[in-house]
Amino acid sequence: AAAATCPNTGLRTMRVAFETAKGRFAYQVEVAATPEEQACGMMFRDRITPGTGMRFPMVPPRATGFWMENTPLPLDIIYVSPAGRVLNVRRGQPYSREVLNSAGVTADVIELAAGEADRIGLKPGDRVRR
């Protein structure tokens, strides 16, 4: 995706909640539903509002990997199974081309500000409500 069409704007939003040992934590996330929206993701954004993020539905569910090219913000990348459980969480570093892979078949990928997963105690197996 070119800088001219990124960042994504006007995406539909929805609430996503994570249930961890520390409690329930809800976020308002943008939904990157189309291949073009997903290719752009959070590229070129220089800030993320607290309590927000982006959801990438994987249709059909599949193993996947994300990278951070053209993304100036560090992000927590959360891979979610078709059963609505956290598979794994990876920390994306700004502008990195390292591919951060899911730990299995993924139905959703959710990006939050870096450090959110640690703050809420998010671990593999935790429930995701979407």
N, C-alpha and C. Protein backbone atom coordinates (compact mmCIF):
# COMPACT_ATOMS: atom_id res chain seq x y z
N ALA A 1 0.85 -1.19 0.00
CA ALA A 1 0.00 0.00 0.00
C ALA A 1 0.89 1.24 0.00
N ALA A 2 0.52 2.19 -0.77
CA ALA A 2 1.30 3.42 -0.88
C ALA A 2 0.89 4.41 0.19
N ALA A 3 1.82 5.30 0.52
CA ALA A 3 1.54 6.31 1.54
C ALA A 3 0.34 7.16 1.16
N ALA A 4 0.07 7.31 -0.13
CA ALA A 4 -1.06 8.13 -0.59
C ALA A 4 -2.40 7.55 -0.14
N THR A 5 -2.49 6.24 0.03
CA THR A 5 -3.76 5.61 0.43
C THR A 5 -3.75 5.17 1.89
N CYS A 6 -2.65 5.34 2.56
CA CYS A 6 -2.55 4.97 3.97
C CYS A 6 -2.29 6.24 4.77
N PRO A 7 -2.70 6.38 6.01
CA PRO A 7 -3.35 5.31 6.76
C PRO A 7 -4.81 5.13 6.35
N ASN A 8 -5.34 3.98 6.75
CA ASN A 8 -6.75 3.71 6.55
C ASN A 8 -7.57 4.78 7.25
N THR A 9 -8.65 5.21 6.63
CA THR A 9 -9.56 6.15 7.27
C THR A 9 -10.99 5.67 7.05
N GLY A 10 -11.87 6.02 7.96
CA GLY A 10 -13.28 5.72 7.82
C GLY A 10 -13.64 4.26 7.98
N LEU A 11 -12.79 3.48 8.64
CA LEU A 11 -13.09 2.07 8.83
C LEU A 11 -14.21 1.89 9.86
N ARG A 12 -14.98 0.83 9.69
CA ARG A 12 -15.99 0.46 10.69
C ARG A 12 -15.27 0.14 12.00
N THR A 13 -15.92 0.44 13.12
CA THR A 13 -15.33 0.12 14.42
C THR A 13 -16.23 -0.84 15.19
N MET A 14 -15.62 -1.52 16.15
CA MET A 14 -16.35 -2.45 17.01
C MET A 14 -15.59 -2.58 18.33
N ARG A 15 -16.27 -3.16 19.31
CA ARG A 15 -15.62 -3.39 20.60
C ARG A 15 -15.08 -4.81 20.64
N VAL A 16 -13.90 -4.94 21.21
CA VAL A 16 -13.27 -6.23 21.45
C VAL A 16 -12.86 -6.24 22.92
N ALA A 17 -13.10 -7.34 23.61
CA ALA A 17 -12.73 -7.44 25.02
C ALA A 17 -11.84 -8.65 25.24
N PHE A 18 -10.85 -8.47 26.10
CA PHE A 18 -9.95 -9.55 26.51
C PHE A 18 -10.26 -9.89 27.96
N GLU A 19 -10.39 -11.17 28.26
CA GLU A 19 -10.62 -11.63 29.63
C GLU A 19 -9.34 -12.30 30.11
N THR A 20 -8.68 -11.65 31.07
CA THR A 20 -7.40 -12.14 31.59
C THR A 20 -7.54 -12.41 33.08
N ALA A 21 -6.48 -12.90 33.69
CA ALA A 21 -6.48 -13.12 35.14
C ALA A 21 -6.64 -11.80 35.89
N LYS A 22 -6.33 -10.67 35.25
CA LYS A 22 -6.46 -9.35 35.87
C LYS A 22 -7.85 -8.75 35.69
N GLY A 23 -8.69 -9.34 34.82
CA GLY A 23 -10.03 -8.80 34.61
C GLY A 23 -10.38 -8.74 33.13
N ARG A 24 -11.42 -7.95 32.85
CA ARG A 24 -11.91 -7.78 31.48
C ARG A 24 -11.50 -6.39 30.99
N PHE A 25 -10.93 -6.34 29.79
CA PHE A 25 -10.42 -5.09 29.23
C PHE A 25 -10.98 -4.92 27.82
N ALA A 26 -11.70 -3.83 27.59
CA ALA A 26 -12.36 -3.59 26.30
C ALA A 26 -11.64 -2.49 25.53
N TYR A 27 -11.65 -2.65 24.21
CA TYR A 27 -11.03 -1.70 23.29
C TYR A 27 -11.98 -1.44 22.14
N GLN A 28 -11.96 -0.22 21.63
CA GLN A 28 -12.69 0.14 20.42
C GLN A 28 -11.70 -0.01 19.28
N VAL A 29 -11.95 -0.96 18.38
CA VAL A 29 -10.99 -1.24 17.31
C VAL A 29 -11.59 -0.95 15.94
N GLU A 30 -10.75 -0.48 15.05
CA GLU A 30 -11.12 -0.34 13.64
C GLU A 30 -11.02 -1.73 13.02
N VAL A 31 -11.87 -2.01 12.04
CA VAL A 31 -11.85 -3.31 11.37
C VAL A 31 -11.28 -3.14 9.96
N ALA A 32 -10.11 -3.73 9.74
CA ALA A 32 -9.49 -3.77 8.41
C ALA A 32 -9.99 -5.04 7.74
N ALA A 33 -11.09 -4.93 6.99
CA ALA A 33 -11.79 -6.11 6.47
C ALA A 33 -11.32 -6.55 5.09
N THR A 34 -11.00 -5.60 4.23
CA THR A 34 -10.64 -5.95 2.84
C THR A 34 -9.14 -6.20 2.74
N PRO A 35 -8.71 -6.89 1.68
CA PRO A 35 -7.26 -7.08 1.50
C PRO A 35 -6.50 -5.76 1.43
N GLU A 36 -7.08 -4.74 0.81
CA GLU A 36 -6.42 -3.44 0.73
C GLU A 36 -6.30 -2.79 2.11
N GLU A 37 -7.37 -2.84 2.90
CA GLU A 37 -7.33 -2.29 4.26
C GLU A 37 -6.32 -3.04 5.11
N GLN A 38 -6.26 -4.35 4.94
CA GLN A 38 -5.32 -5.15 5.73
C GLN A 38 -3.88 -4.89 5.31
N ALA A 39 -3.63 -4.70 4.02
CA ALA A 39 -2.27 -4.40 3.56
C ALA A 39 -1.78 -3.09 4.14
N CYS A 40 -2.67 -2.14 4.29
CA CYS A 40 -2.33 -0.82 4.83
C CYS A 40 -2.20 -0.87 6.36
N GLY A 41 -3.16 -1.54 7.01
CA GLY A 41 -3.12 -1.66 8.47
C GLY A 41 -2.93 -0.33 9.16
N MET A 42 -1.94 -0.27 10.05
CA MET A 42 -1.65 0.96 10.79
C MET A 42 -0.40 1.67 10.26
N MET A 43 -0.06 1.37 8.99
CA MET A 43 1.10 2.04 8.38
C MET A 43 0.96 3.56 8.43
N PHE A 44 2.07 4.21 8.62
CA PHE A 44 2.22 5.67 8.55
C PHE A 44 1.52 6.41 9.69
N ARG A 45 0.90 5.72 10.62
CA ARG A 45 0.27 6.41 11.76
C ARG A 45 1.33 6.74 12.79
N ASP A 46 1.26 7.95 13.32
CA ASP A 46 2.27 8.36 14.30
C ASP A 46 1.75 8.36 15.73
N ARG A 47 0.49 7.93 15.93
CA ARG A 47 -0.04 7.82 17.28
C ARG A 47 -1.21 6.84 17.28
N ILE A 48 -1.49 6.32 18.47
CA ILE A 48 -2.64 5.47 18.68
C ILE A 48 -3.33 5.95 19.95
N THR A 49 -4.60 6.21 19.85
CA THR A 49 -5.37 6.71 20.99
C THR A 49 -5.52 5.59 22.02
N PRO A 50 -5.30 5.88 23.31
CA PRO A 50 -5.49 4.84 24.32
C PRO A 50 -6.88 4.21 24.22
N GLY A 51 -6.93 2.90 24.42
CA GLY A 51 -8.21 2.19 24.37
C GLY A 51 -8.68 1.83 22.98
N THR A 52 -7.80 2.01 21.98
CA THR A 52 -8.17 1.70 20.60
C THR A 52 -7.15 0.74 19.99
N GLY A 53 -7.48 0.24 18.80
CA GLY A 53 -6.59 -0.65 18.08
C GLY A 53 -7.17 -0.96 16.72
N MET A 54 -6.71 -2.06 16.13
CA MET A 54 -7.19 -2.48 14.83
C MET A 54 -7.35 -4.00 14.80
N ARG A 55 -8.44 -4.44 14.18
CA ARG A 55 -8.73 -5.88 14.04
C ARG A 55 -8.61 -6.26 12.58
N PHE A 56 -7.97 -7.40 12.34
CA PHE A 56 -7.79 -7.96 11.00
C PHE A 56 -8.46 -9.33 10.98
N PRO A 57 -9.70 -9.44 10.50
CA PRO A 57 -10.33 -10.76 10.40
C PRO A 57 -9.62 -11.59 9.33
N MET A 58 -9.30 -12.82 9.66
CA MET A 58 -8.65 -13.73 8.72
C MET A 58 -9.71 -14.66 8.16
N VAL A 59 -10.15 -14.38 6.93
CA VAL A 59 -11.21 -15.16 6.28
C VAL A 59 -10.66 -15.75 5.00
N PRO A 60 -10.50 -17.07 4.95
CA PRO A 60 -10.74 -18.05 5.99
C PRO A 60 -9.62 -18.02 7.03
N PRO A 61 -9.87 -18.61 8.23
CA PRO A 61 -8.81 -18.68 9.24
C PRO A 61 -7.58 -19.40 8.67
N ARG A 62 -6.40 -18.91 9.08
CA ARG A 62 -5.15 -19.48 8.57
C ARG A 62 -3.98 -19.04 9.45
N ALA A 63 -2.89 -19.77 9.34
CA ALA A 63 -1.65 -19.31 9.96
C ALA A 63 -1.21 -18.06 9.21
N THR A 64 -0.68 -17.08 9.91
CA THR A 64 -0.32 -15.83 9.27
C THR A 64 0.88 -15.21 9.97
N GLY A 65 1.41 -14.17 9.38
CA GLY A 65 2.49 -13.41 9.97
C GLY A 65 2.35 -11.95 9.60
N PHE A 66 2.71 -11.07 10.51
CA PHE A 66 2.64 -9.63 10.28
C PHE A 66 4.03 -9.04 10.41
N TRP A 67 4.23 -7.90 9.75
CA TRP A 67 5.47 -7.14 9.90
C TRP A 67 5.13 -5.68 10.07
N MET A 68 6.14 -4.86 10.32
CA MET A 68 5.91 -3.47 10.73
C MET A 68 6.47 -2.45 9.73
N GLU A 69 6.73 -2.87 8.49
CA GLU A 69 7.26 -1.94 7.50
C GLU A 69 6.33 -0.72 7.39
N ASN A 70 6.91 0.46 7.36
CA ASN A 70 6.18 1.73 7.25
C ASN A 70 5.28 2.04 8.44
N THR A 71 5.53 1.38 9.57
CA THR A 71 4.73 1.61 10.77
C THR A 71 5.64 2.22 11.84
N PRO A 72 5.45 3.51 12.16
CA PRO A 72 6.34 4.17 13.11
C PRO A 72 6.06 3.88 14.58
N LEU A 73 4.96 3.20 14.87
CA LEU A 73 4.58 2.90 16.26
C LEU A 73 4.92 1.47 16.63
N PRO A 74 5.46 1.22 17.81
CA PRO A 74 5.56 -0.17 18.26
C PRO A 74 4.15 -0.67 18.61
N LEU A 75 3.87 -1.92 18.30
CA LEU A 75 2.53 -2.47 18.51
C LEU A 75 2.60 -3.85 19.14
N ASP A 76 1.58 -4.19 19.92
CA ASP A 76 1.36 -5.57 20.34
C ASP A 76 0.48 -6.20 19.27
N ILE A 77 0.92 -7.33 18.74
CA ILE A 77 0.19 -8.06 17.70
C ILE A 77 -0.34 -9.33 18.34
N ILE A 78 -1.66 -9.42 18.44
CA ILE A 78 -2.32 -10.51 19.16
C ILE A 78 -3.00 -11.42 18.16
N TYR A 79 -2.59 -12.67 18.16
CA TYR A 79 -3.17 -13.67 17.25
C TYR A 79 -4.24 -14.45 18.01
N VAL A 80 -5.44 -14.54 17.40
CA VAL A 80 -6.61 -15.13 18.06
C VAL A 80 -7.08 -16.35 17.27
N SER A 81 -7.32 -17.44 17.97
CA SER A 81 -7.76 -18.69 17.34
C SER A 81 -9.22 -18.59 16.90
N PRO A 82 -9.67 -19.52 16.04
CA PRO A 82 -11.09 -19.56 15.67
C PRO A 82 -12.00 -19.78 16.89
N ALA A 83 -11.48 -20.37 17.96
CA ALA A 83 -12.26 -20.59 19.18
C ALA A 83 -12.31 -19.35 20.08
N GLY A 84 -11.69 -18.25 19.65
CA GLY A 84 -11.73 -17.02 20.43
C GLY A 84 -10.75 -16.99 21.59
N ARG A 85 -9.64 -17.67 21.44
CA ARG A 85 -8.59 -17.69 22.47
C ARG A 85 -7.30 -17.11 21.91
N VAL A 86 -6.55 -16.44 22.76
CA VAL A 86 -5.25 -15.89 22.36
C VAL A 86 -4.31 -17.04 22.05
N LEU A 87 -3.74 -17.03 20.86
CA LEU A 87 -2.72 -18.01 20.49
C LEU A 87 -1.35 -17.55 20.97
N ASN A 88 -1.00 -16.33 20.61
CA ASN A 88 0.28 -15.74 21.02
C ASN A 88 0.23 -14.24 20.82
N VAL A 89 1.18 -13.57 21.46
CA VAL A 89 1.31 -12.12 21.37
C VAL A 89 2.75 -11.82 20.97
N ARG A 90 2.92 -10.97 19.96
CA ARG A 90 4.25 -10.57 19.51
C ARG A 90 4.35 -9.04 19.60
N ARG A 91 5.54 -8.55 19.88
CA ARG A 91 5.79 -7.10 19.93
C ARG A 91 6.42 -6.68 18.61
N GLY A 92 5.71 -5.84 17.87
CA GLY A 92 6.22 -5.33 16.61
C GLY A 92 7.03 -4.06 16.82
N GLN A 93 8.22 -4.03 16.26
CA GLN A 93 9.10 -2.87 16.38
C GLN A 93 8.93 -1.96 15.17
N PRO A 94 8.97 -0.64 15.39
CA PRO A 94 8.79 0.30 14.28
C PRO A 94 9.68 0.00 13.08
N TYR A 95 9.07 0.04 11.91
CA TYR A 95 9.73 -0.09 10.61
C TYR A 95 10.40 -1.44 10.36
N SER A 96 10.17 -2.42 11.22
CA SER A 96 10.83 -3.72 11.07
C SER A 96 10.19 -4.54 9.95
N ARG A 97 11.03 -5.25 9.22
CA ARG A 97 10.56 -6.17 8.18
C ARG A 97 10.56 -7.61 8.68
N GLU A 98 10.89 -7.80 9.96
CA GLU A 98 10.85 -9.15 10.54
C GLU A 98 9.39 -9.63 10.56
N VAL A 99 9.15 -10.82 10.05
CA VAL A 99 7.81 -11.39 10.05
C VAL A 99 7.56 -12.03 11.42
N LEU A 100 6.48 -11.58 12.06
CA LEU A 100 6.08 -12.08 13.38
C LEU A 100 4.91 -13.04 13.17
N ASN A 101 5.18 -14.34 13.30
CA ASN A 101 4.21 -15.37 12.94
C ASN A 101 3.25 -15.72 14.07
N SER A 102 2.07 -16.18 13.65
CA SER A 102 1.10 -16.72 14.59
C SER A 102 1.56 -18.10 15.04
N ALA A 103 1.05 -18.54 16.18
CA ALA A 103 1.39 -19.85 16.72
C ALA A 103 0.39 -20.91 16.28
N GLY A 104 -0.33 -20.65 15.21
CA GLY A 104 -1.30 -21.61 14.70
C GLY A 104 -2.33 -20.92 13.82
N VAL A 105 -3.41 -21.64 13.56
CA VAL A 105 -4.49 -21.11 12.72
C VAL A 105 -5.14 -19.94 13.44
N THR A 106 -5.28 -18.84 12.73
CA THR A 106 -5.72 -17.56 13.29
C THR A 106 -7.00 -17.09 12.62
N ALA A 107 -7.99 -16.70 13.44
CA ALA A 107 -9.24 -16.14 12.92
C ALA A 107 -9.21 -14.62 12.93
N ASP A 108 -8.43 -14.04 13.83
CA ASP A 108 -8.30 -12.59 13.95
C ASP A 108 -6.90 -12.25 14.39
N VAL A 109 -6.45 -11.08 13.95
CA VAL A 109 -5.24 -10.47 14.48
C VAL A 109 -5.67 -9.11 15.00
N ILE A 110 -5.27 -8.80 16.21
CA ILE A 110 -5.64 -7.52 16.82
C ILE A 110 -4.36 -6.79 17.20
N GLU A 111 -4.25 -5.54 16.74
CA GLU A 111 -3.11 -4.71 17.08
C GLU A 111 -3.52 -3.66 18.10
N LEU A 112 -2.72 -3.58 19.17
CA LEU A 112 -2.90 -2.56 20.21
C LEU A 112 -1.57 -1.85 20.42
N ALA A 113 -1.61 -0.75 21.13
CA ALA A 113 -0.37 -0.03 21.45
C ALA A 113 0.57 -0.98 22.19
N ALA A 114 1.86 -0.88 21.89
CA ALA A 114 2.86 -1.71 22.56
C ALA A 114 2.76 -1.54 24.07
N GLY A 115 2.79 -2.64 24.78
CA GLY A 115 2.72 -2.64 26.24
C GLY A 115 1.34 -2.94 26.79
N GLU A 116 0.30 -2.84 25.97
CA GLU A 116 -1.06 -3.12 26.44
C GLU A 116 -1.21 -4.57 26.89
N ALA A 117 -0.66 -5.51 26.12
CA ALA A 117 -0.79 -6.92 26.49
C ALA A 117 -0.17 -7.17 27.86
N ASP A 118 1.00 -6.60 28.12
CA ASP A 118 1.62 -6.75 29.44
C ASP A 118 0.78 -6.07 30.51
N ARG A 119 0.28 -4.88 30.22
CA ARG A 119 -0.49 -4.12 31.21
C ARG A 119 -1.71 -4.88 31.68
N ILE A 120 -2.39 -5.57 30.76
CA ILE A 120 -3.62 -6.28 31.13
C ILE A 120 -3.37 -7.75 31.47
N GLY A 121 -2.10 -8.18 31.39
CA GLY A 121 -1.76 -9.56 31.73
C GLY A 121 -2.20 -10.57 30.69
N LEU A 122 -2.24 -10.18 29.40
CA LEU A 122 -2.73 -11.05 28.34
C LEU A 122 -1.76 -12.20 28.08
N LYS A 123 -2.31 -13.42 28.08
CA LYS A 123 -1.52 -14.64 27.90
C LYS A 123 -2.21 -15.57 26.91
N PRO A 124 -1.44 -16.48 26.29
CA PRO A 124 -2.07 -17.51 25.45
C PRO A 124 -3.15 -18.25 26.23
N GLY A 125 -4.27 -18.49 25.56
CA GLY A 125 -5.41 -19.17 26.19
C GLY A 125 -6.47 -18.22 26.72
N ASP A 126 -6.12 -16.94 26.92
CA ASP A 126 -7.11 -15.98 27.41
C ASP A 126 -8.22 -15.81 26.37
N ARG A 127 -9.43 -15.54 26.86
CA ARG A 127 -10.63 -15.41 26.01
C ARG A 127 -10.66 -14.04 25.36
N VAL A 128 -11.08 -14.02 24.09
CA VAL A 128 -11.27 -12.78 23.34
C VAL A 128 -12.74 -12.74 22.93
N ARG A 129 -13.44 -11.67 23.29
CA ARG A 129 -14.85 -11.49 22.92
C ARG A 129 -14.92 -10.45 21.82
N ARG A 130 -15.50 -10.86 20.68
CA ARG A 130 -15.59 -9.95 19.54
C ARG A 130 -16.97 -10.01 18.95
